[in-house]
Each structure stands twice: as structure tokens, then as C-alpha cells.
């Protein structure tokens, strides 16, 4: 595992902790936000963070992403105490719908199976 991969893994792990402990922005507070992936560029200036938002009605996920991008300074300051890097990269949050898509496909498969069994 190279250095960038280790940084991505640690950033993903620590971001999950910070988001679990809470961000005070009302668009994010109380929402179930799961970090699905992190991708830091080679010069460590920018990190793209992909998150999935569970328990939020369709169309409201972008509000949570906006809240996370707004709270980027606070999140970075929390990460600085947990990850020792010379410079913490800027964080850009993006919505990842793969968990919701997977749950939808699983539900469709269950419906097909139950129809075949009847």
C-alpha cells in the first residue's frame, strides 16, 4: 500500500469519527452520514470525499452535502488533531448514491423472489 492509499484510508476512518461525533450545521446534525470513499490528489491539496446519506427523503441529500461543504473548516480543524500531515487538504464533499441504489436493487430482487415462491 503506497502513501496516498494509506492517507485515503486514514482520512476515511477519521472523517467517519468526526461526522459521527457531530457537525453542528442544522443541515447535517442528526443525519446518518456514511463516508464511502476518499480520494486525495498526489500533492495533498485536495481531497474528494464521497458520502452517502441515509434516512433523508429523496432530493434532500444535496442540502446535507451543502452543509458538509459549509462546515469544511470545522471538520478540517478536527482532523488536524487526529491525522498528522504537514498540510491538511481541502475537503470537497460529494453525494454517493451507491448505498441507496443497492438497497433499491435488493428490494426489487426480494419482490421478484417472493412472487416466484407464490
C-alpha atoms as a PDB file:
ATOM      1  CA  UNK A   1       0.000   0.000   0.000  1.00  0.00           C
ATOM      2  CA  UNK A   2       1.509   3.325  -1.041  1.00  0.00           C
ATOM      3  CA  UNK A   3       1.439   6.583   0.912  1.00  0.00           C
ATOM      4  CA  UNK A   4      -1.617   8.065  -0.864  1.00  0.00           C
ATOM      5  CA  UNK A   5      -3.618   4.893  -0.214  1.00  0.00           C
ATOM      6  CA  UNK A   6      -2.704   4.993   3.489  1.00  0.00           C
ATOM      7  CA  UNK A   7      -3.697   8.672   3.699  1.00  0.00           C
ATOM      8  CA  UNK A   8      -7.009   7.934   1.926  1.00  0.00           C
ATOM      9  CA  UNK A   9      -7.768   5.089   4.342  1.00  0.00           C
ATOM     10  CA  UNK A  10      -6.886   7.124   7.431  1.00  0.00           C
ATOM     11  CA  UNK A  11      -8.815  10.154   6.198  1.00  0.00           C
ATOM     12  CA  UNK A  12     -11.889   7.995   5.566  1.00  0.00           C
ATOM     13  CA  UNK A  13     -11.628   6.453   9.028  1.00  0.00           C
ATOM     14  CA  UNK A  14     -11.160   9.731  10.878  1.00  0.00           C
ATOM     15  CA  UNK A  15     -13.820  11.565   8.853  1.00  0.00           C
ATOM     16  CA  UNK A  16     -16.291   8.858   9.879  1.00  0.00           C
ATOM     17  CA  UNK A  17     -15.437   9.529  13.522  1.00  0.00           C
ATOM     18  CA  UNK A  18     -15.765  13.315  13.152  1.00  0.00           C
ATOM     19  CA  UNK A  19     -19.100  13.053  11.328  1.00  0.00           C
ATOM     20  CA  UNK A  20     -20.402  10.515  13.851  1.00  0.00           C
ATOM     21  CA  UNK A  21     -19.489  12.804  16.760  1.00  0.00           C
ATOM     22  CA  UNK A  22     -21.456  15.529  15.070  1.00  0.00           C
ATOM     23  CA  UNK A  23     -21.319  18.635  12.982  1.00  0.00           C
ATOM     24  CA  UNK A  24     -23.419  21.475  14.357  1.00  0.00           C
ATOM     25  CA  UNK A  25     -24.769  22.624  10.996  1.00  0.00           C
ATOM     26  CA  UNK A  26     -28.550  22.002  11.135  1.00  0.00           C
ATOM     27  CA  UNK A  27     -28.485  20.562   7.608  1.00  0.00           C
ATOM     28  CA  UNK A  28     -26.143  17.799   8.847  1.00  0.00           C
ATOM     29  CA  UNK A  29     -26.963  17.386  12.545  1.00  0.00           C
ATOM     30  CA  UNK A  30     -28.852  14.207  13.319  1.00  0.00           C
ATOM     31  CA  UNK A  31     -28.429  12.767   9.825  1.00  0.00           C
ATOM     32  CA  UNK A  32     -26.805   9.405   9.199  1.00  0.00           C
ATOM     33  CA  UNK A  33     -23.837  10.311   7.008  1.00  0.00           C
ATOM     34  CA  UNK A  34     -21.555   7.467   5.881  1.00  0.00           C
ATOM     35  CA  UNK A  35     -18.185   8.119   4.263  1.00  0.00           C
ATOM     36  CA  UNK A  36     -17.977   5.722   1.321  1.00  0.00           C
ATOM     37  CA  UNK A  37     -14.673   6.822  -0.213  1.00  0.00           C
ATOM     38  CA  UNK A  38     -11.894   9.405  -0.063  1.00  0.00           C
ATOM     39  CA  UNK A  39      -9.561  10.377  -2.844  1.00  0.00           C
ATOM     40  CA  UNK A  40      -6.626  12.691  -2.117  1.00  0.00           C
ATOM     41  CA  UNK A  41      -4.688  14.108  -5.041  1.00  0.00           C
ATOM     42  CA  UNK A  42      -0.950  13.476  -5.312  1.00  0.00           C
ATOM     43  CA  UNK A  43       0.132  16.872  -3.969  1.00  0.00           C
ATOM     44  CA  UNK A  44      -2.237  16.521  -0.954  1.00  0.00           C
ATOM     45  CA  UNK A  45      -4.014  19.820  -1.588  1.00  0.00           C
ATOM     46  CA  UNK A  46      -7.497  18.472  -2.305  1.00  0.00           C
ATOM     47  CA  UNK A  47      -9.493  15.528  -1.005  1.00  0.00           C
ATOM     48  CA  UNK A  48     -12.710  14.424  -2.659  1.00  0.00           C
ATOM     49  CA  UNK A  49     -14.934  12.822  -0.039  1.00  0.00           C
ATOM     50  CA  UNK A  50     -17.866  10.703  -1.157  1.00  0.00           C
ATOM     51  CA  UNK A  51     -20.670  10.300   1.359  1.00  0.00           C
ATOM     52  CA  UNK A  52     -23.977   8.528   1.451  1.00  0.00           C
ATOM     53  CA  UNK A  53     -26.862   9.992   3.436  1.00  0.00           C
ATOM     54  CA  UNK A  54     -29.350   7.544   4.923  1.00  0.00           C
ATOM     55  CA  UNK A  55     -32.728   8.340   6.414  1.00  0.00           C
ATOM     56  CA  UNK A  56     -33.201  11.501   4.380  1.00  0.00           C
ATOM     57  CA  UNK A  57     -36.022  11.848   1.892  1.00  0.00           C
ATOM     58  CA  UNK A  58     -35.191  11.877  -1.790  1.00  0.00           C
ATOM     59  CA  UNK A  59     -33.940  15.237  -3.002  1.00  0.00           C
ATOM     60  CA  UNK A  60     -32.784  16.445   0.439  1.00  0.00           C
ATOM     61  CA  UNK A  61     -29.344  14.822   0.199  1.00  0.00           C
ATOM     62  CA  UNK A  62     -27.866  17.861  -1.547  1.00  0.00           C
ATOM     63  CA  UNK A  63     -28.757  20.016   1.489  1.00  0.00           C
ATOM     64  CA  UNK A  64     -26.650  17.698   3.655  1.00  0.00           C
ATOM     65  CA  UNK A  65     -23.760  17.884   1.158  1.00  0.00           C
ATOM     66  CA  UNK A  66     -24.019  21.696   1.168  1.00  0.00           C
ATOM     67  CA  UNK A  67     -23.927  21.631   4.982  1.00  0.00           C
ATOM     68  CA  UNK A  68     -20.814  19.450   4.950  1.00  0.00           C
ATOM     69  CA  UNK A  69     -19.073  21.717   2.451  1.00  0.00           C
ATOM     70  CA  UNK A  70     -20.043  24.706   4.608  1.00  0.00           C
ATOM     71  CA  UNK A  71     -18.595  23.021   7.726  1.00  0.00           C
ATOM     72  CA  UNK A  72     -15.345  22.131   5.954  1.00  0.00           C
ATOM     73  CA  UNK A  73     -13.242  24.443   8.147  1.00  0.00           C
ATOM     74  CA  UNK A  74     -14.548  22.890  11.359  1.00  0.00           C
ATOM     75  CA  UNK A  75     -14.108  19.366  10.001  1.00  0.00           C
ATOM     76  CA  UNK A  76     -10.530  20.128   8.917  1.00  0.00           C
ATOM     77  CA  UNK A  77      -9.672  21.503  12.360  1.00  0.00           C
ATOM     78  CA  UNK A  78     -10.983  18.302  13.961  1.00  0.00           C
ATOM     79  CA  UNK A  79      -8.965  16.191  11.535  1.00  0.00           C
ATOM     80  CA  UNK A  80      -5.758  18.130  12.235  1.00  0.00           C
ATOM     81  CA  UNK A  81      -5.751  16.792  15.791  1.00  0.00           C
ATOM     82  CA  UNK A  82      -6.274  13.207  14.577  1.00  0.00           C
ATOM     83  CA  UNK A  83      -4.076  12.991  11.459  1.00  0.00           C
ATOM     84  CA  UNK A  84      -0.515  14.254  11.387  1.00  0.00           C
ATOM     85  CA  UNK A  85       0.036  15.820   7.980  1.00  0.00           C
ATOM     86  CA  UNK A  86       2.122  18.859   7.165  1.00  0.00           C
ATOM     87  CA  UNK A  87      -0.902  20.462   5.496  1.00  0.00           C
ATOM     88  CA  UNK A  88      -4.461  19.198   5.675  1.00  0.00           C
ATOM     89  CA  UNK A  89      -6.020  19.019   2.199  1.00  0.00           C
ATOM     90  CA  UNK A  90      -9.132  20.972   1.308  1.00  0.00           C
ATOM     91  CA  UNK A  91     -12.220  18.797   1.598  1.00  0.00           C
ATOM     92  CA  UNK A  92     -14.885  18.638  -1.094  1.00  0.00           C
ATOM     93  CA  UNK A  93     -17.933  16.525  -0.322  1.00  0.00           C
ATOM     94  CA  UNK A  94     -19.932  14.703  -2.989  1.00  0.00           C
ATOM     95  CA  UNK A  95     -23.085  12.606  -2.750  1.00  0.00           C
ATOM     96  CA  UNK A  96     -22.670   8.880  -3.436  1.00  0.00           C
ATOM     97  CA  UNK A  97     -25.966   7.124  -4.089  1.00  0.00           C
ATOM     98  CA  UNK A  98     -24.497   3.608  -4.297  1.00  0.00           C
ATOM     99  CA  UNK A  99     -25.927   2.525  -0.913  1.00  0.00           C
ATOM    100  CA  UNK A 100     -29.417   3.722  -1.783  1.00  0.00           C
ATOM    101  CA  UNK A 101     -29.145   2.140  -5.229  1.00  0.00           C
ATOM    102  CA  UNK A 102     -28.020  -1.152  -3.693  1.00  0.00           C
ATOM    103  CA  UNK A 103     -30.919  -1.137  -1.221  1.00  0.00           C
ATOM    104  CA  UNK A 104     -33.364  -0.434  -4.071  1.00  0.00           C
ATOM    105  CA  UNK A 105     -31.982  -3.320  -6.166  1.00  0.00           C
ATOM    106  CA  UNK A 106     -32.111  -5.645  -3.152  1.00  0.00           C
ATOM    107  CA  UNK A 107     -35.756  -4.731  -2.578  1.00  0.00           C
ATOM    108  CA  UNK A 108     -36.605  -5.449  -6.228  1.00  0.00           C
ATOM    109  CA  UNK A 109     -34.867  -8.836  -6.036  1.00  0.00           C
ATOM    110  CA  UNK A 110     -36.769  -9.691  -2.838  1.00  0.00           C
ATOM    111  CA  UNK A 111     -40.073  -8.770  -4.531  1.00  0.00           C
ATOM    112  CA  UNK A 112     -39.259 -10.971  -7.539  1.00  0.00           C
ATOM    113  CA  UNK A 113     -38.310 -13.883  -5.287  1.00  0.00           C
ATOM    114  CA  UNK A 114     -41.488 -13.572  -3.248  1.00  0.00           C
ATOM    115  CA  UNK A 115     -43.619 -13.540  -6.443  1.00  0.00           C
ATOM    116  CA  UNK A 116     -41.848 -16.670  -7.742  1.00  0.00           C
ATOM    117  CA  UNK A 117     -42.446 -18.507  -4.449  1.00  0.00           C
ATOM    118  CA  UNK A 118     -46.201 -17.825  -4.595  1.00  0.00           C
END
